[in-house]
Amino acid sequence: MIDTSLPQSNGGRHSHSHHSKLKHRHDSFNGADLKVYVRDVSDKDGKKRAITVKTWSTVKDVKDALQKLLNVPPAAQKIYFGPLSTSGQDLPNHRSLTDAGIYRNGEVLYLEIKGYLPSSTSSGIGASNDLSTLKAQDNDLCISKAFLSVTNRDLKSIVKNTRIAITLGLKPSLVLDGSGGTYFLHDPNKRKIAVFKPADEEPYAENNPRGYVQQSYDQFEEADSLSMRAGIKPGEACLREVAAYLLDDKGFSGVPMTTLIEARHPAFNYYGSMLNLNQGGAAVGSHSLTIGSSPLLQQSSQTLQKKVGSCQEFVSSECSMDDLSPSKISVEEVHKIAVLDIRIMNADRNSANLLCRRKPNDPDTFELIPIDHGYCLRTVADVCWFDWCWLDWPQLKKSVSQKTKEYILNLDVEKDARMLKEKLNIPSDALDYFRASSKLLQAGIRAGMTLYDIAVLCCRNDDAGEH
């Protein structure tokens, strides 16, 4: 017989838990008031200003509050959430904060002031050459303002060289393989130095050049529900590429330098320009049959829309793990990859995503360079045994070195989670899985477990995640 009576108010365990939940909810949703933080993307110190608005406020209400605080008119403000929309568009004035996903206290909004010219320029370099300002012409790129402060000097130099090359007429070149739009960027000497992945050319995003486009969907189904892997919406993979680099503290796992950039060039795919009929090219673009005025037609006659995406340094390599035996890889090299993939619950660690480069001091051995982290930090935890190509390698069953142990135990999981939320607006569900996998990794290492033992606890051992 099941007891259906209500819990007594005498301090019982269930009652205490119930009141704790109510208190947590009250702290997060403090009545009609909503406290948010606003960060100016041009502020190198990354300072945030707190403002209090109502839960039903619109973006225009936020701009009015900022006008009183900063004396900047609303017409000169652009508000982004997370830190900027991968579509390249700021939040419209009429949109409510709740509709934009801003309903908890402590959310961070990003402010861009139109017409702002950075005061700190190098000698002889004017504002037009600033690395965070996109020119009005149809062939340019720049680092997103919100990421300028976390982009190191070497990567800034790479972006600067690609910008010069584009100005000289060296257009981005589409990579032949892959399911999304990936482009090689060159320097003035025509050497490949960077890889650009636009958000709107990811699989099932609006401008995917491989034919992975959403042509129709059920009226009760969200347009972005179709994706390569569950837990990642089209247009979000580029943010995960940046996240993997930011989480690779001190370059332990060797993730190539990555940042978020904005770019505009006719060589990119716009409105089905690269699709043939079999890929759905007749349904999109200026040549498609439409009823009434189409925003695509209007856009095609204007300046090309900017694209936002990840920019990663190009790494030369001899081959990938598709072409090499794991016996050529040292225990330390395998462990550094496993540590990264367990932390971020990477669902796409196939052998082609591990580049191999000979070590200068020992040409017979190789170092591993991990790439393609678009399907990590997902809102679901269904990583399978076959998602990690290294799971059955013998090196994984070896004990970790003291260096690897110290690195894992010194990781600040909560600090990393806050960074992911503030910088990239990674969803809370994904952050919960990140905390769980990272703390499981640390607990396993403290208990003397091998990385193989820990990895088995993190992934499914059934085929294709079937129940």
Protein backbone atom coordinates (compact mmCIF):
# COMPACT_ATOMS: atom_id res chain seq x y z
CA MET A 1 0.00 0.00 0.00
CA ILE A 2 1.34 3.40 -1.00
CA ASP A 3 1.15 6.23 1.53
CA THR A 4 -0.41 9.21 -0.27
CA SER A 5 -0.60 11.51 2.74
CA LEU A 6 1.01 14.91 2.54
CA PRO A 7 4.39 15.41 4.28
CA GLN A 8 4.19 16.93 7.74
CA SER A 9 5.69 20.34 8.45
CA ASN A 10 7.88 18.99 11.23
CA GLY A 11 11.18 19.32 9.42
CA GLY A 12 11.05 15.92 7.67
CA ARG A 13 13.54 15.07 4.97
CA HIS A 14 11.01 15.41 2.11
CA SER A 15 9.70 18.70 3.46
CA HIS A 16 13.22 20.08 3.79
CA SER A 17 14.04 19.09 0.21
CA HIS A 18 10.79 20.66 -1.02
CA HIS A 19 11.51 23.96 0.74
CA SER A 20 15.09 23.96 -0.56
CA LYS A 21 13.81 23.71 -4.11
CA LEU A 22 11.35 26.55 -3.51
CA LYS A 23 14.11 28.70 -2.06
CA HIS A 24 16.39 27.98 -5.04
CA ARG A 25 13.58 28.85 -7.41
CA HIS A 26 12.90 32.07 -5.49
CA ASP A 27 16.58 33.03 -5.68
CA SER A 28 16.71 32.43 -9.43
CA PHE A 29 13.38 34.07 -10.24
CA ASN A 30 13.06 37.00 -7.87
CA GLY A 31 9.51 38.05 -8.61
CA ALA A 32 9.05 40.48 -11.47
CA ASP A 33 12.58 41.87 -11.24
CA LEU A 34 15.31 40.44 -13.45
CA LYS A 35 18.96 41.27 -12.81
CA VAL A 36 21.19 40.90 -15.86
CA TYR A 37 24.74 41.93 -16.64
CA VAL A 38 25.85 43.86 -19.72
CA ARG A 39 29.38 43.69 -21.08
CA ASP A 40 30.71 46.08 -23.70
CA VAL A 41 32.52 43.94 -26.30
CA SER A 42 35.03 46.76 -26.83
CA ASP A 43 36.04 46.76 -23.16
CA LYS A 44 39.39 44.99 -22.93
CA ASP A 45 38.99 44.45 -19.18
CA GLY A 46 35.72 42.60 -19.71
CA LYS A 47 33.87 44.55 -17.02
CA LYS A 48 30.18 43.82 -16.59
CA ARG A 49 27.52 46.32 -15.52
CA ALA A 50 24.45 45.13 -13.63
CA ILE A 51 21.01 46.44 -14.57
CA THR A 52 17.61 45.47 -13.24
CA VAL A 53 14.64 45.17 -15.60
CA LYS A 54 11.32 43.37 -15.50
CA THR A 55 10.81 39.80 -16.62
CA TRP A 56 8.46 41.02 -19.35
CA SER A 57 10.90 43.67 -20.64
CA THR A 58 11.91 43.89 -24.28
CA VAL A 59 15.32 44.51 -25.80
CA LYS A 60 14.28 48.14 -26.28
CA ASP A 61 13.69 48.43 -22.52
CA VAL A 62 17.23 47.17 -21.93
CA LYS A 63 18.60 49.76 -24.35
CA ASP A 64 16.65 52.51 -22.57
CA ALA A 65 18.18 51.42 -19.26
CA LEU A 66 21.64 51.44 -20.81
CA GLN A 67 21.02 54.92 -22.19
CA LYS A 68 20.50 56.20 -18.65
CA LEU A 69 23.61 54.36 -17.47
CA LEU A 70 26.00 55.04 -20.36
CA ASN A 71 24.42 58.01 -22.13
CA VAL A 72 24.41 56.06 -25.39
CA PRO A 73 21.23 56.38 -27.52
CA PRO A 74 19.34 53.14 -28.24
CA ALA A 75 19.83 53.59 -32.00
CA ALA A 76 23.61 53.23 -31.48
CA GLN A 77 23.32 50.01 -29.46
CA LYS A 78 23.42 46.40 -30.62
CA ILE A 79 22.51 43.75 -28.05
CA TYR A 80 23.66 40.14 -28.40
CA PHE A 81 23.04 37.17 -26.17
CA GLY A 82 25.66 34.58 -25.90
CA PRO A 83 27.94 36.57 -26.83
CA LEU A 84 26.69 37.19 -30.35
CA SER A 85 24.27 35.38 -32.56
CA THR A 86 26.01 32.99 -34.94
CA SER A 87 23.60 34.29 -37.57
CA GLY A 88 25.39 37.63 -37.26
CA GLN A 89 22.20 39.41 -36.21
CA ASP A 90 21.64 41.35 -33.01
CA LEU A 91 18.46 41.04 -30.96
CA PRO A 92 15.61 43.16 -32.41
CA ASN A 93 14.05 45.87 -30.26
CA HIS A 94 10.59 44.29 -30.15
CA ARG A 95 11.76 40.91 -28.89
CA SER A 96 11.07 40.14 -25.24
CA LEU A 97 13.88 38.89 -23.03
CA THR A 98 11.92 35.73 -22.25
CA ASP A 99 11.56 34.88 -25.93
CA ALA A 100 15.32 35.35 -26.33
CA GLY A 101 15.95 32.82 -23.54
CA ILE A 102 16.84 35.44 -20.92
CA TYR A 103 14.73 34.67 -17.87
CA ARG A 104 17.22 33.86 -15.10
CA ASN A 105 19.10 36.29 -12.90
CA GLY A 106 22.76 36.63 -13.76
CA GLU A 107 22.56 36.20 -17.55
CA VAL A 108 25.18 38.18 -19.51
CA LEU A 109 24.24 40.34 -22.49
CA TYR A 110 26.82 41.74 -24.89
CA LEU A 111 26.71 45.32 -26.06
CA GLU A 112 28.21 46.63 -29.28
CA ILE A 113 28.12 50.37 -29.82
CA LYS A 114 27.77 51.20 -33.49
CA GLY A 115 30.37 53.61 -34.79
CA TYR A 116 32.81 52.78 -32.01
CA LEU A 117 36.46 53.08 -33.05
CA PRO A 118 39.05 51.48 -30.75
CA SER A 119 41.41 54.01 -29.26
CA SER A 120 44.39 51.67 -29.05
CA THR A 121 45.90 51.20 -32.48
CA SER A 122 49.37 50.23 -33.51
CA SER A 123 51.63 52.87 -34.95
CA GLY A 124 50.62 53.70 -38.48
CA ILE A 125 47.55 51.42 -38.40
CA GLY A 126 44.23 53.19 -38.47
CA ALA A 127 40.85 52.05 -37.27
CA SER A 128 40.07 50.58 -40.69
CA ASN A 129 42.72 47.92 -40.04
CA ASP A 130 41.44 47.06 -36.58
CA LEU A 131 41.16 43.28 -36.23
CA SER A 132 37.71 43.49 -34.63
CA THR A 133 35.99 45.71 -37.19
CA LEU A 134 34.49 44.26 -40.38
CA LYS A 135 34.80 46.52 -43.39
CA ALA A 136 31.79 47.34 -45.57
CA GLN A 137 33.26 45.66 -48.63
CA ASP A 138 32.31 42.14 -49.76
CA ASN A 139 35.69 40.53 -48.97
CA ASP A 140 36.89 40.95 -45.41
CA LEU A 141 37.13 39.18 -42.08
CA CYS A 142 37.82 40.14 -38.47
CA ILE A 143 37.86 38.69 -34.97
CA SER A 144 34.56 38.99 -33.13
CA LYS A 145 34.86 41.79 -30.60
CA ALA A 146 33.78 39.59 -27.69
CA PHE A 147 36.73 37.25 -28.38
CA LEU A 148 39.46 39.76 -29.09
CA SER A 149 40.63 39.69 -25.47
CA VAL A 150 40.96 35.86 -25.38
CA THR A 151 42.65 35.57 -28.79
CA ASN A 152 46.41 35.28 -28.32
CA ARG A 153 48.98 37.23 -30.28
CA ASP A 154 49.95 34.39 -32.64
CA LEU A 155 46.37 33.79 -33.72
CA LYS A 156 45.80 37.52 -34.18
CA SER A 157 48.78 37.53 -36.51
CA ILE A 158 47.26 34.65 -38.49
CA VAL A 159 43.94 36.48 -38.85
CA LYS A 160 45.78 39.63 -39.93
CA ASN A 161 47.66 37.72 -42.65
CA THR A 162 44.50 36.08 -43.95
CA ARG A 163 42.87 39.50 -44.10
CA ILE A 164 45.74 40.85 -46.18
CA ALA A 165 45.55 37.84 -48.51
CA ILE A 166 41.81 38.33 -49.05
CA THR A 167 42.41 41.98 -49.86
CA LEU A 168 45.01 40.85 -52.43
CA GLY A 169 42.42 38.61 -54.10
CA LEU A 170 43.26 35.21 -52.60
CA LYS A 171 39.81 33.81 -51.96
CA PRO A 172 38.93 31.14 -49.37
CA SER A 173 38.88 27.62 -50.80
CA LEU A 174 36.19 25.07 -49.89
CA VAL A 175 37.57 21.86 -48.37
CA LEU A 176 36.52 18.85 -50.46
CA ASP A 177 35.55 16.50 -47.62
CA GLY A 178 33.28 16.96 -44.64
CA SER A 179 29.55 17.47 -44.14
CA GLY A 180 29.67 21.22 -43.54
CA GLY A 181 31.16 24.27 -45.16
CA THR A 182 34.86 24.37 -44.24
CA TYR A 183 37.26 26.79 -45.92
CA PHE A 184 41.03 27.09 -46.06
CA LEU A 185 42.31 30.62 -45.53
CA HIS A 186 45.69 31.61 -46.94
CA ASP A 187 48.46 34.10 -46.29
CA PRO A 188 49.81 36.48 -48.97
CA ASN A 189 52.23 33.72 -50.08
CA LYS A 190 49.29 31.39 -50.83
CA ARG A 191 50.08 29.07 -47.93
CA LYS A 192 47.23 27.61 -45.91
CA ILE A 193 47.31 29.09 -42.44
CA ALA A 194 43.74 28.88 -41.07
CA VAL A 195 40.49 26.93 -41.29
CA PHE A 196 37.13 28.75 -41.21
CA LYS A 197 33.82 27.04 -40.39
CA PRO A 198 30.80 29.36 -40.78
CA ALA A 199 27.89 28.68 -38.47
CA ASP A 200 25.30 28.98 -41.22
CA GLU A 201 27.06 26.32 -43.35
CA GLU A 202 27.03 23.59 -40.74
CA PRO A 203 24.98 20.45 -41.51
CA TYR A 204 21.27 21.33 -41.77
CA ALA A 205 21.97 25.04 -41.36
CA GLU A 206 20.47 27.42 -43.93
CA ASN A 207 23.53 27.73 -46.18
CA ASN A 208 25.07 24.25 -46.00
CA PRO A 209 26.93 23.64 -49.31
CA ARG A 210 26.82 19.81 -49.17
CA GLY A 211 23.09 19.34 -49.58
CA TYR A 212 22.37 18.87 -45.87
CA VAL A 213 19.59 21.45 -45.85
CA GLN A 214 16.19 21.44 -44.21
CA GLN A 215 13.75 21.82 -47.07
CA SER A 216 10.58 21.00 -45.14
CA TYR A 217 9.48 19.97 -41.69
CA ASP A 218 6.32 19.27 -39.77
CA GLN A 219 4.38 22.33 -38.63
CA PHE A 220 4.68 21.15 -35.02
CA GLU A 221 8.40 20.44 -35.30
CA GLU A 222 11.09 23.05 -34.79
CA ALA A 223 13.03 24.01 -37.91
CA ASP A 224 16.38 23.33 -36.23
CA SER A 225 15.42 19.93 -34.80
CA LEU A 226 17.26 18.05 -37.56
CA SER A 227 20.98 17.74 -36.81
CA MET A 228 23.90 15.39 -37.24
CA ARG A 229 24.03 14.56 -33.52
CA ALA A 230 21.42 15.07 -30.83
CA GLY A 231 22.14 17.89 -28.41
CA ILE A 232 23.72 20.25 -30.97
CA LYS A 233 21.55 22.60 -32.99
CA PRO A 234 22.68 23.67 -36.47
CA GLY A 235 24.86 26.74 -36.08
CA GLU A 236 26.21 25.83 -32.63
CA ALA A 237 29.10 23.55 -33.60
CA CYS A 238 31.46 26.46 -34.25
CA LEU A 239 31.02 27.59 -30.64
CA ARG A 240 32.06 24.13 -29.46
CA GLU A 241 35.22 24.39 -31.58
CA VAL A 242 36.16 27.51 -29.66
CA ALA A 243 35.14 25.96 -26.35
CA ALA A 244 37.45 22.97 -26.83
CA TYR A 245 40.42 25.30 -27.30
CA LEU A 246 39.52 27.48 -24.32
CA LEU A 247 39.18 24.39 -22.11
CA ASP A 248 42.56 23.00 -23.19
CA ASP A 249 44.38 24.68 -20.33
CA LYS A 250 48.04 25.44 -21.13
CA GLY A 251 47.74 23.45 -24.36
CA PHE A 252 47.91 20.11 -22.55
CA SER A 253 45.95 18.21 -25.23
CA GLY A 254 47.31 20.20 -28.16
CA VAL A 255 44.07 21.69 -29.53
CA PRO A 256 45.05 24.17 -32.27
CA MET A 257 44.48 27.86 -31.55
CA THR A 258 40.84 28.77 -32.23
CA THR A 259 38.71 31.89 -32.01
CA LEU A 260 35.43 33.26 -33.35
CA ILE A 261 35.54 35.52 -36.40
CA GLU A 262 33.18 37.39 -38.70
CA ALA A 263 33.71 37.18 -42.45
CA ARG A 264 32.17 38.21 -45.73
CA HIS A 265 33.25 36.90 -49.15
CA PRO A 266 31.53 35.83 -52.41
CA ALA A 267 33.40 32.49 -52.26
CA PHE A 268 31.23 31.40 -49.33
CA ASN A 269 27.91 29.68 -49.91
CA TYR A 270 24.98 32.11 -49.98
CA TYR A 271 21.39 31.06 -50.64
CA GLY A 272 22.17 27.77 -52.37
CA SER A 273 24.82 29.11 -54.73
CA MET A 274 26.80 25.85 -54.42
CA LEU A 275 23.89 23.39 -54.52
CA ASN A 276 22.79 21.43 -57.56
CA LEU A 277 19.23 20.30 -58.24
CA ASN A 278 19.67 16.95 -56.53
CA GLN A 279 20.84 18.70 -53.38
CA GLY A 280 17.80 20.97 -53.20
CA GLY A 281 19.30 23.94 -55.02
CA ALA A 282 16.04 24.66 -56.83
CA ALA A 283 14.24 25.34 -53.55
CA VAL A 284 16.51 28.13 -52.31
CA GLY A 285 18.29 31.14 -53.74
CA SER A 286 17.39 33.94 -56.13
CA HIS A 287 16.38 31.46 -58.85
CA SER A 288 13.74 29.69 -56.70
CA LEU A 289 10.01 30.12 -57.24
CA THR A 290 8.57 32.30 -54.49
CA ILE A 291 5.26 33.92 -53.73
CA GLY A 292 5.51 37.60 -52.95
CA SER A 293 8.64 39.36 -51.81
CA SER A 294 11.43 37.17 -50.48
CA PRO A 295 14.03 38.36 -47.98
CA LEU A 296 16.58 36.25 -49.85
CA LEU A 297 15.92 38.14 -53.06
CA GLN A 298 16.19 41.43 -51.28
CA GLN A 299 19.43 40.39 -49.62
CA SER A 300 21.06 39.16 -52.83
CA SER A 301 21.06 42.63 -54.32
CA GLN A 302 22.66 44.18 -51.26
CA THR A 303 25.95 43.77 -49.44
CA LEU A 304 26.66 40.14 -48.59
CA GLN A 305 25.54 39.15 -45.13
CA LYS A 306 28.39 38.56 -42.70
CA LYS A 307 29.09 35.05 -41.50
CA VAL A 308 30.13 34.14 -37.98
CA GLY A 309 32.17 31.02 -37.37
CA SER A 310 35.23 29.40 -35.84
CA CYS A 311 38.71 30.16 -37.14
CA GLN A 312 41.40 27.64 -36.28
CA GLU A 313 45.07 27.68 -37.14
CA PHE A 314 45.99 25.28 -39.93
CA VAL A 315 48.28 22.49 -38.72
CA SER A 316 50.53 20.63 -41.14
CA SER A 317 50.69 16.88 -40.60
CA GLU A 318 51.98 13.73 -42.27
CA CYS A 319 48.72 11.82 -41.96
CA SER A 320 45.81 11.05 -39.66
CA MET A 321 45.17 8.02 -37.46
CA ASP A 322 43.29 6.54 -40.41
CA ASP A 323 46.72 5.80 -41.89
CA LEU A 324 48.73 4.89 -38.82
CA SER A 325 48.92 2.08 -36.31
CA PRO A 326 48.29 3.05 -32.65
CA SER A 327 51.56 1.28 -31.82
CA LYS A 328 53.39 4.32 -33.20
CA ILE A 329 51.80 6.56 -30.55
CA SER A 330 53.18 6.93 -27.04
CA VAL A 331 51.13 6.45 -23.88
CA GLU A 332 51.31 10.17 -23.05
CA GLU A 333 49.95 11.16 -26.46
CA VAL A 334 46.97 8.82 -26.16
CA HIS A 335 46.26 9.93 -22.60
CA LYS A 336 46.19 13.63 -23.48
CA ILE A 337 43.48 12.97 -26.09
CA ALA A 338 41.43 10.77 -23.76
CA VAL A 339 41.52 13.39 -21.01
CA LEU A 340 40.16 16.04 -23.37
CA ASP A 341 37.42 13.84 -24.84
CA ILE A 342 36.21 12.64 -21.44
CA ARG A 343 36.03 16.20 -20.12
CA ILE A 344 34.02 17.56 -23.04
CA MET A 345 32.18 14.28 -23.80
CA ASN A 346 33.25 14.51 -27.43
CA ALA A 347 30.90 12.50 -29.66
CA ASP A 348 33.05 12.67 -32.81
CA ARG A 349 36.50 11.35 -32.00
CA ASN A 350 37.03 9.21 -35.07
CA SER A 351 40.50 8.42 -36.33
CA ALA A 352 40.30 11.04 -39.09
CA ASN A 353 40.00 13.75 -36.44
CA LEU A 354 43.42 12.96 -35.02
CA LEU A 355 46.22 14.42 -37.10
CA CYS A 356 49.67 12.86 -36.80
CA ARG A 357 52.91 14.81 -36.92
CA ARG A 358 56.40 13.38 -36.54
CA LYS A 359 58.33 14.44 -33.47
CA PRO A 360 61.52 16.30 -34.48
CA ASN A 361 63.64 14.56 -31.83
CA ASP A 362 62.32 11.08 -32.70
CA PRO A 363 61.09 10.82 -36.32
CA ASP A 364 59.84 7.28 -35.72
CA THR A 365 57.17 8.46 -33.25
CA PHE A 366 54.28 10.84 -33.72
CA GLU A 367 52.38 13.44 -31.76
CA LEU A 368 48.60 13.69 -32.02
CA ILE A 369 46.75 16.89 -32.87
CA PRO A 370 43.02 16.81 -32.08
CA ILE A 371 40.66 18.67 -34.44
CA ASP A 372 36.91 18.84 -35.17
CA HIS A 373 35.26 19.36 -31.80
CA GLY A 374 31.89 20.57 -33.05
CA TYR A 375 29.98 17.73 -31.37
CA CYS A 376 31.16 18.13 -27.81
CA LEU A 377 29.45 19.75 -24.80
CA ARG A 378 26.04 18.54 -25.95
CA THR A 379 22.76 18.68 -24.05
CA VAL A 380 22.50 14.88 -24.14
CA ALA A 381 24.91 12.23 -22.85
CA ASP A 382 24.79 9.38 -25.34
CA VAL A 383 28.46 8.96 -26.27
CA CYS A 384 28.95 5.38 -27.45
CA TRP A 385 32.00 3.13 -27.37
CA PHE A 386 32.57 3.63 -31.10
CA ASP A 387 32.59 7.45 -30.77
CA TRP A 388 36.04 7.24 -29.16
CA CYS A 389 38.50 5.59 -31.54
CA TRP A 390 41.12 5.33 -28.80
CA LEU A 391 38.94 3.31 -26.40
CA ASP A 392 40.41 -0.06 -27.39
CA TRP A 393 44.01 1.10 -27.72
CA PRO A 394 46.33 -0.67 -25.23
CA GLN A 395 47.90 2.62 -24.05
CA LEU A 396 44.63 3.56 -22.37
CA LYS A 397 44.97 0.76 -19.81
CA LYS A 398 48.33 2.07 -18.63
CA SER A 399 48.56 4.14 -15.45
CA VAL A 400 48.64 7.90 -15.93
CA SER A 401 51.90 9.76 -15.39
CA GLN A 402 52.42 12.16 -12.51
CA LYS A 403 52.24 15.07 -14.96
CA THR A 404 48.84 13.96 -16.28
CA LYS A 405 47.57 13.27 -12.76
CA GLU A 406 48.54 16.73 -11.54
CA TYR A 407 46.96 18.35 -14.58
CA ILE A 408 43.64 16.57 -14.04
CA LEU A 409 43.46 17.22 -10.30
CA ASN A 410 44.31 20.91 -10.73
CA LEU A 411 41.44 21.56 -13.16
CA ASP A 412 38.94 24.13 -11.83
CA VAL A 413 35.68 22.67 -13.12
CA GLU A 414 33.39 25.42 -11.82
CA LYS A 415 35.61 28.16 -13.21
CA ASP A 416 35.55 26.50 -16.62
CA ALA A 417 31.77 26.10 -16.47
CA ARG A 418 31.33 29.81 -15.71
CA MET A 419 33.60 30.69 -18.62
CA LEU A 420 31.60 28.50 -21.01
CA LYS A 421 28.37 30.12 -19.90
CA GLU A 422 29.58 33.71 -20.09
CA LYS A 423 31.70 33.47 -23.23
CA LEU A 424 29.69 31.04 -25.34
CA ASN A 425 26.30 30.70 -23.61
CA ILE A 426 26.62 26.92 -23.51
CA PRO A 427 23.24 25.52 -22.32
CA SER A 428 22.83 24.56 -18.67
CA ASP A 429 22.16 20.90 -19.50
CA ALA A 430 25.45 20.68 -21.38
CA LEU A 431 27.27 22.35 -18.49
CA ASP A 432 25.80 19.82 -16.06
CA TYR A 433 27.20 16.96 -18.15
CA PHE A 434 30.54 18.78 -18.37
CA ARG A 435 30.68 19.09 -14.58
CA ALA A 436 29.73 15.43 -14.15
CA SER A 437 32.31 14.07 -16.60
CA SER A 438 35.09 16.34 -15.31
CA LYS A 439 34.45 15.48 -11.66
CA LEU A 440 34.17 11.79 -12.50
CA LEU A 441 37.56 12.06 -14.21
CA GLN A 442 39.09 13.68 -11.14
CA ALA A 443 37.49 11.19 -8.75
CA GLY A 444 38.68 8.25 -10.83
CA ILE A 445 42.26 9.52 -10.92
CA ARG A 446 42.23 10.05 -7.14
CA ALA A 447 41.05 6.45 -6.75
CA GLY A 448 43.90 5.15 -8.90
CA MET A 449 41.75 4.14 -11.87
CA THR A 450 43.09 4.05 -15.41
CA LEU A 451 41.64 6.27 -18.13
CA TYR A 452 40.13 3.17 -19.69
CA ASP A 453 38.18 2.40 -16.52
CA ILE A 454 36.93 6.00 -16.36
CA ALA A 455 36.04 6.15 -20.05
CA VAL A 456 33.95 2.99 -19.82
CA LEU A 457 31.89 4.66 -17.09
CA CYS A 458 31.23 7.64 -19.37
CA CYS A 459 30.10 5.95 -22.58
CA ARG A 460 27.46 3.46 -23.62
CA ASN A 461 28.50 -0.04 -24.62
CA ASP A 462 25.44 -0.86 -26.70
CA ASP A 463 25.29 -0.37 -30.47
CA ALA A 464 24.26 3.10 -31.69
CA GLY A 465 22.93 4.05 -28.28
CA GLU A 466 20.00 1.64 -28.60
CA HIS A 467 18.08 0.70 -25.47
